Amino acid sequence: MEYRADQVPMNPGVYPYQGQQQVQSTVITMAPNVPPVRDHLPWSIFNFFYMNFCCLGFVALVFSVKSRDRKVVGDAEGARHYASTARALNIAATVLSILVLVILIVIIFVSLSMVTQIIKENEEQISHSFGGHN
């Protein structure tokens, strides 16, 4: 008997003490087709190490691990809940960290421009004080 490549039986032979009329079947119970739950663990790890504004990255990491644990246990709803919280915390940590970074860069540039202006004014004042009238 010939079989197609995708229909080859695992063991076509007959086992000892097995009659020709017996047919064994295996029933596999599969979970319903639910979309996988994203636990946002890589994002949480990144935020924990690089953008840990007010420990939000750490809290997001904790919720991501909890989500992954719930997913392993099979509690899809609990995993989805923890993943949603981790996602919100990751968004907050990322936005606040970037905002603080931008504010710091603006403060540095404004401070440097003010220092430069003060230095120029002092140079002009010093040159006028020592008789540098032109």
Protein backbone atom coordinates (compact mmCIF):
# COMPACT_ATOMS: atom_id res chain seq x y z
CA MET A 1 0.00 0.00 0.00
CA GLU A 2 1.42 3.38 -0.98
CA TYR A 3 0.98 6.52 1.04
CA ARG A 4 1.53 10.15 0.20
CA ALA A 5 4.40 11.86 1.99
CA ASP A 6 2.05 13.73 4.32
CA GLN A 7 -0.03 10.62 5.15
CA VAL A 8 2.64 8.08 6.07
CA PRO A 9 1.56 6.14 9.19
CA MET A 10 3.90 6.24 12.15
CA ASN A 11 4.21 2.46 12.45
CA PRO A 12 2.34 0.51 9.76
CA GLY A 13 3.15 -2.89 11.26
CA VAL A 14 0.87 -4.94 13.51
CA TYR A 15 1.89 -5.31 17.14
CA PRO A 16 2.01 -8.71 18.80
CA TYR A 17 -1.18 -9.72 20.62
CA GLN A 18 -3.16 -7.23 18.62
CA GLY A 19 -5.97 -8.52 16.51
CA GLN A 20 -6.57 -7.32 12.97
CA GLN A 21 -10.00 -5.93 13.86
CA GLN A 22 -8.87 -3.65 16.70
CA VAL A 23 -8.36 -0.04 15.82
CA GLN A 24 -6.69 2.23 18.32
CA SER A 25 -7.38 5.92 18.27
CA THR A 26 -5.89 8.82 20.14
CA VAL A 27 -7.94 11.86 21.06
CA ILE A 28 -6.05 15.13 21.46
CA THR A 29 -7.89 17.89 23.22
CA MET A 30 -6.71 21.27 21.98
CA ALA A 31 -7.31 24.63 23.56
CA PRO A 32 -9.65 27.00 21.76
CA ASN A 33 -8.05 29.17 19.13
CA VAL A 34 -7.10 32.22 21.21
CA PRO A 35 -4.56 34.79 20.09
CA PRO A 36 -1.28 34.65 22.02
CA VAL A 37 -0.89 37.08 24.89
CA ARG A 38 2.01 39.50 24.51
CA ASP A 39 3.71 39.99 27.87
CA HIS A 40 6.00 42.88 26.73
CA LEU A 41 8.95 41.36 28.63
CA PRO A 42 11.74 42.66 26.32
CA TRP A 43 10.32 46.19 26.47
CA SER A 44 10.08 45.95 30.27
CA ILE A 45 13.69 44.77 30.54
CA PHE A 46 14.83 47.67 28.34
CA ASN A 47 12.86 50.16 30.43
CA PHE A 48 14.19 48.64 33.65
CA PHE A 49 17.82 49.06 32.61
CA TYR A 50 17.72 52.26 30.54
CA MET A 51 14.50 54.21 31.24
CA ASN A 52 13.61 53.45 34.84
CA PHE A 53 11.80 56.72 35.56
CA CYS A 54 10.51 56.62 39.17
CA CYS A 55 10.89 52.81 39.15
CA LEU A 56 8.15 52.46 36.51
CA GLY A 57 10.44 50.19 34.48
CA PHE A 58 10.84 47.87 37.47
CA VAL A 59 7.10 47.73 38.12
CA ALA A 60 6.47 47.05 34.42
CA LEU A 61 9.02 44.22 34.58
CA VAL A 62 7.20 42.70 37.57
CA PHE A 63 3.87 42.80 35.73
CA SER A 64 5.45 41.32 32.59
CA VAL A 65 6.83 38.40 34.59
CA LYS A 66 3.44 37.92 36.25
CA SER A 67 1.83 37.91 32.82
CA ARG A 68 4.27 35.29 31.57
CA ASP A 69 3.59 33.16 34.67
CA ARG A 70 -0.16 33.36 34.10
CA LYS A 71 0.37 32.42 30.45
CA VAL A 72 2.40 29.34 31.44
CA VAL A 73 -0.28 28.25 33.91
CA GLY A 74 -2.94 28.63 31.22
CA ASP A 75 -4.83 31.59 32.64
CA ALA A 76 -5.20 33.65 29.46
CA GLU A 77 -7.46 36.28 31.04
CA GLY A 78 -5.09 36.88 33.97
CA ALA A 79 -2.14 37.01 31.57
CA ARG A 80 -3.97 39.54 29.40
CA HIS A 81 -4.76 41.70 32.45
CA TYR A 82 -1.15 41.74 33.69
CA ALA A 83 0.15 42.33 30.15
CA SER A 84 -2.18 45.30 29.76
CA THR A 85 -0.87 46.82 32.98
CA ALA A 86 2.74 46.14 31.94
CA ARG A 87 2.09 47.81 28.58
CA ALA A 88 0.62 50.92 30.22
CA LEU A 89 3.55 51.15 32.65
CA ASN A 90 6.04 50.70 29.81
CA ILE A 91 4.38 53.48 27.83
CA ALA A 92 4.45 55.77 30.87
CA ALA A 93 8.10 54.96 31.65
CA THR A 94 9.18 55.50 28.04
CA VAL A 95 7.28 58.77 27.56
CA LEU A 96 8.33 60.25 30.91
CA SER A 97 11.97 59.23 30.46
CA ILE A 98 12.13 60.75 26.97
CA LEU A 99 10.38 63.89 28.23
CA VAL A 100 12.88 64.27 31.08
CA LEU A 101 15.75 63.69 28.65
CA VAL A 102 14.46 66.36 26.26
CA ILE A 103 13.94 68.81 29.13
CA LEU A 104 17.49 68.20 30.37
CA ILE A 105 18.92 68.77 26.89
CA VAL A 106 16.95 72.03 26.56
CA ILE A 107 18.13 73.17 30.01
CA ILE A 108 21.75 72.43 29.10
CA PHE A 109 21.54 74.37 25.83
CA VAL A 110 19.78 77.32 27.46
CA SER A 111 22.35 77.35 30.27
CA LEU A 112 25.24 77.24 27.82
CA SER A 113 23.80 80.09 25.79
CA MET A 114 23.29 82.16 28.95
CA VAL A 115 26.84 81.46 30.12
CA THR A 116 28.18 82.43 26.69
CA GLN A 117 26.18 85.67 26.78
CA ILE A 118 27.44 86.50 30.31
CA ILE A 119 31.02 85.83 29.25
CA LYS A 120 30.66 88.17 26.24
CA GLU A 121 29.14 90.91 28.43
CA ASN A 122 31.95 90.55 30.96
CA GLU A 123 34.58 90.74 28.21
CA GLU A 124 32.98 93.95 26.88
CA GLN A 125 32.78 95.42 30.37
CA ILE A 126 36.41 94.55 31.12
CA SER A 127 37.60 96.01 27.81
CA HIS A 128 35.71 99.29 28.48
CA SER A 129 37.02 99.50 32.08
CA PHE A 130 40.67 99.30 31.09
CA GLY A 131 40.51 102.09 28.61
CA GLY A 132 39.63 100.13 25.57
CA HIS A 133 37.58 103.01 24.09
CA ASN A 134 37.75 102.86 20.34
